[in-house]
Amino acid sequence: MPGKHKILRLFAIDVTAEAVGVAIAAPPSEGEANAELCRYLSKVLEVKKSDVILEKGGKSRDKVVKISVSATPDEILEKLKKEASS
């Protein structure tokens, strides 16, 4: 239903230097899963929501997300690994 917010659960399940595997416990609907993915990554990486942008793959299982922050790839990878292990 448009206008209603659904609660989606996201879990980082696999983190490598090339990709992050994320399990979403809800089907995609009206772009809500993509928006929730960006919100989830902003929370995990401790950045503003506007700093996480879905660049490619809006309708695909494989996505490219741009993160506009002054952090090294290693720092971002470490935060994602920490989240995946918790």
Protein backbone atom coordinates (compact mmCIF):
# COMPACT_ATOMS: atom_id res chain seq x y z
CA MET A 1 0.00 0.00 0.00
CA PRO A 2 1.41 3.41 -0.89
CA GLY A 3 2.08 5.62 2.10
CA LYS A 4 2.34 2.75 4.57
CA HIS A 5 5.75 1.91 5.96
CA LYS A 6 6.68 -1.73 6.27
CA ILE A 7 9.32 -2.93 8.68
CA LEU A 8 12.09 -4.66 6.78
CA ARG A 9 14.81 -6.56 8.56
CA LEU A 10 18.28 -6.45 7.07
CA PHE A 11 21.27 -8.49 8.07
CA ALA A 12 24.82 -8.22 6.74
CA ILE A 13 25.67 -11.87 6.17
CA ASP A 14 28.87 -11.85 4.13
CA VAL A 15 31.50 -9.15 3.71
CA THR A 16 34.44 -9.24 1.32
CA ALA A 17 36.49 -6.50 -0.29
CA GLU A 18 34.42 -6.98 -3.47
CA ALA A 19 30.87 -7.23 -2.13
CA VAL A 20 28.58 -7.23 0.88
CA GLY A 21 25.88 -9.88 1.11
CA VAL A 22 22.73 -8.57 2.75
CA ALA A 23 19.67 -10.63 3.59
CA ILE A 24 16.38 -8.75 3.52
CA ALA A 25 13.53 -10.39 5.40
CA ALA A 26 10.81 -8.95 3.17
CA PRO A 27 10.05 -8.90 -0.55
CA PRO A 28 10.89 -5.77 -2.55
CA SER A 29 7.88 -3.50 -2.91
CA GLU A 30 7.66 -0.05 -4.51
CA GLY A 31 11.38 0.55 -3.96
CA GLU A 32 11.04 0.24 -0.19
CA ALA A 33 13.65 -2.50 0.08
CA ASN A 34 16.19 -0.33 -1.78
CA ALA A 35 15.45 2.64 0.46
CA GLU A 36 15.74 0.45 3.54
CA LEU A 37 19.07 -0.90 2.28
CA CYS A 38 20.43 2.65 2.05
CA ARG A 39 19.06 3.50 5.52
CA TYR A 40 20.62 0.34 6.95
CA LEU A 41 24.03 1.07 5.41
CA SER A 42 23.94 4.68 6.65
CA LYS A 43 23.24 3.41 10.18
CA VAL A 44 25.97 0.75 10.10
CA LEU A 45 28.52 3.13 8.59
CA GLU A 46 27.44 6.00 10.85
CA VAL A 47 26.90 8.43 7.97
CA LYS A 48 24.00 10.60 6.84
CA LYS A 49 21.31 8.87 4.80
CA SER A 50 22.00 11.30 1.97
CA ASP A 51 25.61 10.00 1.81
CA VAL A 52 24.41 6.53 0.72
CA ILE A 53 23.08 6.42 -2.84
CA LEU A 54 21.90 3.47 -4.89
CA GLU A 55 23.84 3.94 -8.13
CA LYS A 56 22.84 0.79 -10.07
CA GLY A 57 20.62 -2.23 -9.69
CA GLY A 58 17.36 -0.75 -8.45
CA LYS A 59 15.47 -3.72 -9.87
CA SER A 60 18.25 -6.28 -9.58
CA ARG A 61 19.55 -8.51 -6.81
CA ASP A 62 23.03 -7.09 -7.47
CA LYS A 63 23.33 -3.42 -6.55
CA VAL A 64 26.02 -0.76 -6.62
CA VAL A 65 25.86 1.68 -3.71
CA LYS A 66 27.90 4.89 -3.62
CA ILE A 67 29.00 6.06 -0.19
CA SER A 68 30.10 9.70 -0.13
CA VAL A 69 32.19 10.04 3.01
CA SER A 70 35.77 10.83 3.93
CA ALA A 71 36.64 7.31 5.05
CA THR A 72 38.99 4.79 3.53
CA PRO A 73 37.62 1.62 1.94
CA ASP A 74 39.33 -0.33 4.73
CA GLU A 75 37.46 1.67 7.41
CA ILE A 76 34.14 1.05 5.67
CA LEU A 77 34.94 -2.63 5.21
CA GLU A 78 35.84 -2.96 8.90
CA LYS A 79 32.48 -1.48 9.99
CA LEU A 80 30.61 -3.82 7.65
CA LYS A 81 32.57 -6.84 8.92
CA LYS A 82 31.82 -5.86 12.51
CA GLU A 83 28.11 -5.64 11.71
CA ALA A 84 28.16 -9.01 9.93
CA SER A 85 29.78 -10.73 12.88
CA SER A 86 27.32 -9.37 15.45
